[in-house]
Protein backbone atom coordinates (compact mmCIF):
# COMPACT_ATOMS: atom_id res chain seq x y z
CA MET A 1 -65.87 -6.64 -81.28
CA ASN A 2 -68.19 -8.42 -78.87
CA ALA A 3 -71.70 -8.16 -80.35
CA LEU A 4 -73.24 -7.27 -76.99
CA PHE A 5 -70.76 -4.46 -76.44
CA GLU A 6 -71.39 -3.09 -79.91
CA ARG A 7 -75.18 -3.29 -79.61
CA SER A 8 -75.27 -1.81 -76.13
CA TRP A 9 -72.93 1.06 -76.87
CA THR A 10 -74.69 2.00 -80.12
CA ARG A 11 -78.06 1.97 -78.38
CA ALA A 12 -77.03 4.06 -75.38
CA TRP A 13 -74.80 6.50 -77.25
CA SER A 14 -77.38 7.11 -79.98
CA ALA A 15 -80.09 7.76 -77.42
CA LEU A 16 -78.00 10.18 -75.37
CA ALA A 17 -75.67 11.91 -77.81
CA GLY A 18 -77.58 11.56 -81.05
CA ALA A 19 -77.26 14.56 -83.30
CA GLY A 20 -75.56 16.53 -80.55
CA ALA A 21 -72.30 14.62 -80.89
CA ASP A 22 -69.40 16.24 -82.72
CA ALA A 23 -69.36 15.25 -86.38
CA GLY A 24 -65.89 13.77 -86.03
CA GLU A 25 -66.98 11.45 -83.22
CA ALA A 26 -70.62 10.84 -84.06
CA ASP A 27 -70.73 7.26 -82.79
CA GLY A 28 -68.42 7.62 -79.79
CA THR A 29 -66.38 4.58 -80.80
CA ALA A 30 -63.10 6.05 -79.59
CA LEU A 31 -64.60 6.56 -76.14
CA ARG A 32 -66.10 3.06 -76.20
CA ASP A 33 -62.75 1.53 -77.11
CA ASP A 34 -61.03 3.53 -74.37
CA LEU A 35 -63.53 2.20 -71.85
CA LEU A 36 -63.04 -1.38 -73.03
CA ALA A 37 -59.28 -0.93 -72.74
CA ARG A 38 -59.74 0.18 -69.14
CA TYR A 39 -61.77 -2.92 -68.33
CA ALA A 40 -58.90 -5.03 -69.73
CA GLU A 41 -56.24 -3.54 -67.43
CA PRO A 42 -53.99 -6.18 -65.83
CA GLN A 43 -54.72 -5.25 -62.20
CA ARG A 44 -58.35 -6.21 -62.68
CA LYS A 45 -59.50 -9.73 -61.95
CA TYR A 46 -63.20 -9.22 -61.28
CA HIS A 47 -63.88 -5.65 -62.47
CA THR A 48 -63.16 -6.70 -66.02
CA ARG A 49 -64.90 -6.99 -69.36
CA GLN A 50 -66.53 -10.13 -67.98
CA HIS A 51 -68.26 -8.08 -65.29
CA LEU A 52 -69.23 -5.38 -67.79
CA GLU A 53 -70.62 -8.01 -70.15
CA GLU A 54 -72.64 -9.64 -67.39
CA CYS A 55 -74.09 -6.27 -66.40
CA LEU A 56 -75.02 -5.34 -69.95
CA ALA A 57 -76.52 -8.77 -70.62
CA LEU A 58 -78.76 -8.42 -67.57
CA PHE A 59 -79.64 -4.88 -68.62
CA ASP A 60 -80.84 -6.36 -71.91
CA GLU A 61 -83.34 -8.37 -69.87
CA VAL A 62 -84.52 -5.77 -67.36
CA GLY A 63 -83.67 -2.41 -68.90
CA GLU A 64 -87.31 -1.65 -69.54
CA LEU A 65 -87.75 -1.25 -65.78
CA ALA A 66 -85.74 1.97 -65.92
CA VAL A 67 -87.27 5.41 -66.37
CA HIS A 68 -84.26 6.56 -68.40
CA PRO A 69 -82.84 3.29 -69.72
CA ALA A 70 -80.13 4.86 -71.89
CA GLU A 71 -78.77 6.72 -68.87
CA VAL A 72 -78.66 3.53 -66.82
CA GLU A 73 -76.96 1.69 -69.65
CA MET A 74 -74.34 4.41 -70.08
CA ALA A 75 -73.76 4.45 -66.32
CA LEU A 76 -73.08 0.71 -66.47
CA TRP A 77 -70.38 1.36 -69.07
CA PHE A 78 -68.71 3.89 -66.79
CA HIS A 79 -69.35 2.50 -63.33
CA ASP A 80 -65.97 0.74 -63.05
CA ALA A 81 -64.20 2.71 -65.77
CA ILE A 82 -61.45 3.77 -63.37
CA TYR A 83 -60.32 1.04 -61.01
CA ASP A 84 -57.23 1.50 -58.87
CA VAL A 85 -57.12 -1.43 -56.46
CA LYS A 86 -54.93 0.44 -53.97
CA GLY A 87 -56.57 3.81 -54.47
CA SER A 88 -59.77 5.50 -53.43
CA GLY A 89 -62.30 7.61 -55.25
CA ASN A 90 -62.67 5.23 -58.18
CA GLU A 91 -66.40 5.84 -58.46
CA GLU A 92 -66.00 9.59 -58.18
CA ARG A 93 -63.37 9.65 -60.90
CA SER A 94 -65.41 7.33 -63.12
CA ALA A 95 -68.47 9.53 -62.59
CA GLU A 96 -66.57 12.68 -63.54
CA TRP A 97 -65.22 11.01 -66.66
CA ALA A 98 -68.75 10.08 -67.70
CA HIS A 99 -69.99 13.59 -66.99
CA GLU A 100 -67.24 15.28 -68.98
CA ALA A 101 -67.49 12.84 -71.88
CA LEU A 102 -71.24 13.29 -72.21
CA LEU A 103 -71.08 17.07 -71.97
CA GLY A 104 -68.35 17.03 -74.60
CA ALA A 105 -70.63 15.02 -76.87
CA GLY A 106 -73.37 17.60 -76.65
CA VAL A 107 -75.53 15.83 -74.08
CA SER A 108 -77.59 18.17 -71.91
CA ARG A 109 -76.22 18.98 -68.47
CA GLU A 110 -79.35 17.55 -66.86
CA VAL A 111 -78.77 14.15 -68.46
CA ALA A 112 -75.01 14.22 -67.81
CA ASP A 113 -75.70 15.08 -64.16
CA ARG A 114 -78.05 12.12 -63.81
CA VAL A 115 -75.54 9.71 -65.34
CA ARG A 116 -72.86 11.00 -62.98
CA GLN A 117 -75.15 10.41 -60.01
CA LEU A 118 -75.95 6.91 -61.22
CA VAL A 119 -72.26 6.01 -61.35
CA LEU A 120 -71.80 7.37 -57.83
CA VAL A 121 -74.48 5.11 -56.35
CA THR A 122 -72.36 2.08 -57.26
CA LYS A 123 -70.30 2.94 -54.20
CA HIS A 124 -73.06 0.97 -52.43
CA ASP A 125 -72.84 3.16 -49.34
CA GLY A 126 -76.54 3.94 -49.19
CA VAL A 127 -79.97 2.90 -50.34
CA PRO A 128 -80.69 3.61 -54.01
CA ALA A 129 -83.46 6.19 -54.19
CA SER A 130 -84.76 6.56 -57.72
CA VAL A 131 -86.04 3.75 -59.92
CA ASP A 132 -83.03 4.14 -62.20
CA GLU A 133 -80.64 3.92 -59.25
CA GLN A 134 -82.42 0.78 -58.09
CA VAL A 135 -82.16 -0.88 -61.49
CA LEU A 136 -78.48 0.01 -61.78
CA VAL A 137 -77.55 -1.17 -58.29
CA ASP A 138 -79.52 -4.39 -58.66
CA ILE A 139 -77.67 -5.16 -61.89
CA ASP A 140 -74.29 -4.40 -60.33
CA LEU A 141 -75.07 -6.62 -57.33
CA ALA A 142 -76.55 -9.45 -59.37
CA ILE A 143 -73.25 -11.32 -59.00
CA LEU A 144 -74.16 -11.95 -55.35
CA GLY A 145 -77.12 -14.00 -56.55
CA ALA A 146 -75.21 -15.88 -59.22
CA GLU A 147 -75.20 -19.65 -59.45
CA ARG A 148 -72.74 -21.17 -57.00
CA PRO A 149 -69.87 -21.83 -59.47
CA ARG A 150 -69.95 -18.25 -60.74
CA PHE A 151 -70.22 -16.78 -57.24
CA ASP A 152 -67.25 -18.85 -56.10
CA GLU A 153 -65.29 -17.67 -59.14
CA TYR A 154 -66.23 -14.10 -58.25
CA GLU A 155 -64.89 -14.55 -54.72
CA ARG A 156 -61.62 -15.90 -56.10
CA GLN A 157 -61.39 -12.98 -58.51
CA ILE A 158 -61.86 -10.47 -55.70
CA ARG A 159 -59.16 -12.21 -53.68
CA ASP A 160 -56.82 -12.07 -56.68
CA GLU A 161 -57.46 -8.35 -57.10
CA TYR A 162 -56.41 -7.82 -53.50
CA GLY A 163 -53.55 -10.29 -53.64
CA TYR A 164 -51.25 -7.80 -51.90
CA VAL A 165 -53.41 -7.91 -48.74
CA PRO A 166 -52.38 -10.54 -46.15
CA GLY A 167 -54.80 -13.45 -45.98
CA PHE A 168 -56.00 -12.95 -42.41
CA LEU A 169 -56.70 -9.26 -43.01
CA PHE A 170 -58.43 -9.88 -46.32
CA ARG A 171 -60.71 -12.52 -44.81
CA ARG A 172 -61.69 -10.26 -41.92
CA LYS A 173 -62.43 -7.25 -44.14
CA ARG A 174 -64.20 -9.37 -46.73
CA ARG A 175 -66.50 -10.89 -44.13
CA GLN A 176 -67.34 -7.42 -42.87
CA ILE A 177 -68.30 -6.26 -46.36
CA LEU A 178 -70.37 -9.34 -47.13
CA ARG A 179 -72.09 -9.09 -43.74
CA ILE A 180 -73.22 -5.54 -44.58
CA PHE A 181 -74.99 -6.84 -47.68
CA LEU A 182 -76.44 -9.87 -45.91
CA ASP A 183 -77.84 -7.72 -43.11
CA ARG A 184 -79.72 -5.45 -45.48
CA PRO A 185 -83.46 -5.99 -45.13
CA VAL A 186 -83.74 -5.33 -48.87
CA LEU A 187 -80.85 -6.53 -50.99
CA TYR A 188 -82.54 -6.02 -54.36
CA SER A 189 -84.93 -3.12 -54.82
CA THR A 190 -86.69 -4.16 -58.02
CA PRO A 191 -89.30 -6.91 -57.44
CA ALA A 192 -88.25 -8.80 -60.57
CA LEU A 193 -84.62 -9.17 -59.52
CA ARG A 194 -85.52 -9.63 -55.86
CA ASP A 195 -87.66 -12.64 -56.74
CA ARG A 196 -84.96 -13.99 -59.01
CA LEU A 197 -81.81 -13.40 -56.97
CA ASP A 198 -82.44 -12.62 -53.30
CA ALA A 199 -82.68 -16.13 -51.86
CA ARG A 200 -79.61 -17.39 -53.70
CA ALA A 201 -77.65 -14.23 -52.87
CA ARG A 202 -78.30 -14.66 -49.17
CA GLU A 203 -77.32 -18.32 -49.38
CA ASN A 204 -74.09 -17.38 -51.17
CA LEU A 205 -73.31 -14.64 -48.64
CA ARG A 206 -73.92 -16.87 -45.62
CA ARG A 207 -71.70 -19.55 -47.10
CA ALA A 208 -68.91 -17.08 -47.92
CA ILE A 209 -69.04 -15.51 -44.48
CA GLY A 210 -69.14 -18.83 -42.72
């Protein structure tokens, strides 16, 4: 077991489920292993354990920015839990899985509702509102501000995930998506990650679009 995965899961699950979890599944390891199995599915090339690990590693650095850090961390575990390349509603289905799993573990509905909402904001179809949403989205989008070799690998991984899409169509759609991010006046909401990633992200995006 990857030490980061083990540490992260234990921390988040203990904070959220705690004594409320069923005695037979007190540490949630079966759920954790199910999630890790999902991130290892063969259709995934970018939305893999590598992406999850990168997100959790960055959370280790900036998690204290969150108001409810355990909720943000758990949302990271679930944010790409269901990933059907040819389907839609992945975030919605992932969010519902998180909600049901947490309620089943004895987590309060208020907390489970917040985690579900956090997973939904990773659709990236709006501006993150709360501090926790901002931290989560910034972590998920940190790949855009990665060093050039990692960003280029990311772009190849996305192309591989959509290998069934003809090249000309993929390039057109991909440019449109990247342009949306580049045109945002604020790409990263948290000052710490904005200072660290924004300039390189915009350079990466311009290069990929061009």
